[in-house]
Amino acid sequence: MLNRNILIELEAWKVDSARKPLILRGARQVGKTTVVEMFAKNYKQYIRLNLEQEEDAAPFKAYKNIHQLAEQLFFLKE
């Protein structure tokens, strides 16, 4: 697998105590999903969401608080 420079930037994001939510944007077919999956290997667990899929997007449309949203996401992707 290719070693990507973005992984270095993601590692810096990971240890930044003032980090903000991670959003990767870019053209189609450039490796965004591959990079996220490579980066996710650093964690024991993670939740992969594709908000273009109704099943993944639905909890975000009706949540009342962040705790409820997190709970729904864990149950959805268990």
Protein backbone atom coordinates (compact mmCIF):
# COMPACT_ATOMS: atom_id res chain seq x y z
CA MET A 1 0.00 0.00 0.00
CA LEU A 2 1.21 3.47 -0.75
CA ASN A 3 2.58 5.60 2.03
CA ARG A 4 0.62 8.84 1.86
CA ASN A 5 1.69 12.24 3.19
CA ILE A 6 -1.84 12.82 4.46
CA LEU A 7 -1.26 10.09 7.06
CA ILE A 8 1.40 12.28 8.67
CA GLU A 9 -1.09 15.13 8.86
CA LEU A 10 -3.73 12.83 10.32
CA GLU A 11 -1.31 11.68 13.01
CA ALA A 12 -0.68 15.34 13.91
CA TRP A 13 -4.47 15.89 14.06
CA LYS A 14 -4.83 12.86 16.32
CA VAL A 15 -2.50 14.21 19.03
CA ASP A 16 -3.66 17.84 18.86
CA SER A 17 -5.55 18.57 22.08
CA ALA A 18 -7.50 21.37 20.34
CA ARG A 19 -8.48 19.26 17.33
CA LYS A 20 -11.78 19.74 15.57
CA PRO A 21 -13.90 17.08 13.85
CA LEU A 22 -12.18 15.38 10.96
CA ILE A 23 -13.60 15.99 7.50
CA LEU A 24 -11.83 14.79 4.38
CA ARG A 25 -12.96 16.36 1.15
CA GLY A 26 -11.73 15.90 -2.37
CA ALA A 27 -12.44 14.75 -5.86
CA ARG A 28 -13.91 11.35 -6.54
CA GLN A 29 -11.66 8.32 -6.76
CA VAL A 30 -8.54 9.89 -5.21
CA GLY A 31 -8.23 7.60 -2.17
CA LYS A 32 -10.11 9.36 0.66
CA THR A 33 -11.76 6.16 1.86
CA THR A 34 -8.49 4.24 1.61
CA VAL A 35 -6.68 6.86 3.69
CA VAL A 36 -9.39 6.82 6.36
CA GLU A 37 -9.29 3.03 6.55
CA MET A 38 -5.49 3.08 6.84
CA PHE A 39 -5.69 5.71 9.59
CA ALA A 40 -8.45 3.80 11.42
CA LYS A 41 -6.08 0.86 11.93
CA ASN A 42 -4.53 2.97 14.74
CA TYR A 43 -7.69 2.52 16.80
CA LYS A 44 -9.20 -0.53 18.48
CA GLN A 45 -12.59 0.40 17.08
CA TYR A 46 -14.15 3.01 14.87
CA ILE A 47 -17.45 3.66 13.15
CA ARG A 48 -17.45 4.12 9.40
CA LEU A 49 -20.37 6.15 8.09
CA ASN A 50 -21.36 7.06 4.57
CA LEU A 51 -23.85 9.89 4.94
CA GLU A 52 -24.93 9.46 1.35
CA GLN A 53 -26.59 6.21 2.46
CA GLU A 54 -29.99 6.73 4.10
CA GLU A 55 -29.32 4.12 6.81
CA ASP A 56 -26.19 5.97 7.96
CA ALA A 57 -27.68 9.47 7.60
CA ALA A 58 -31.00 8.80 9.39
CA PRO A 59 -29.74 9.17 13.00
CA PHE A 60 -28.43 12.67 12.21
CA LYS A 61 -31.83 13.84 10.98
CA ALA A 62 -33.75 13.12 14.19
CA TYR A 63 -31.38 13.27 17.14
CA LYS A 64 -32.25 15.42 20.14
CA ASN A 65 -28.89 15.36 21.91
CA ILE A 66 -25.38 14.14 21.26
CA HIS A 67 -25.66 11.24 23.72
CA GLN A 68 -28.71 9.89 21.91
CA LEU A 69 -26.93 10.26 18.56
CA ALA A 70 -23.83 8.42 19.77
CA GLU A 71 -25.95 5.61 21.19
CA GLN A 72 -27.86 5.23 17.93
CA LEU A 73 -24.63 5.12 15.92
CA PHE A 74 -23.14 2.42 18.15
CA PHE A 75 -26.27 0.29 17.83
CA LEU A 76 -26.49 0.90 14.07
CA LYS A 77 -22.90 -0.17 13.42
CA GLU A 78 -22.51 -2.83 16.11
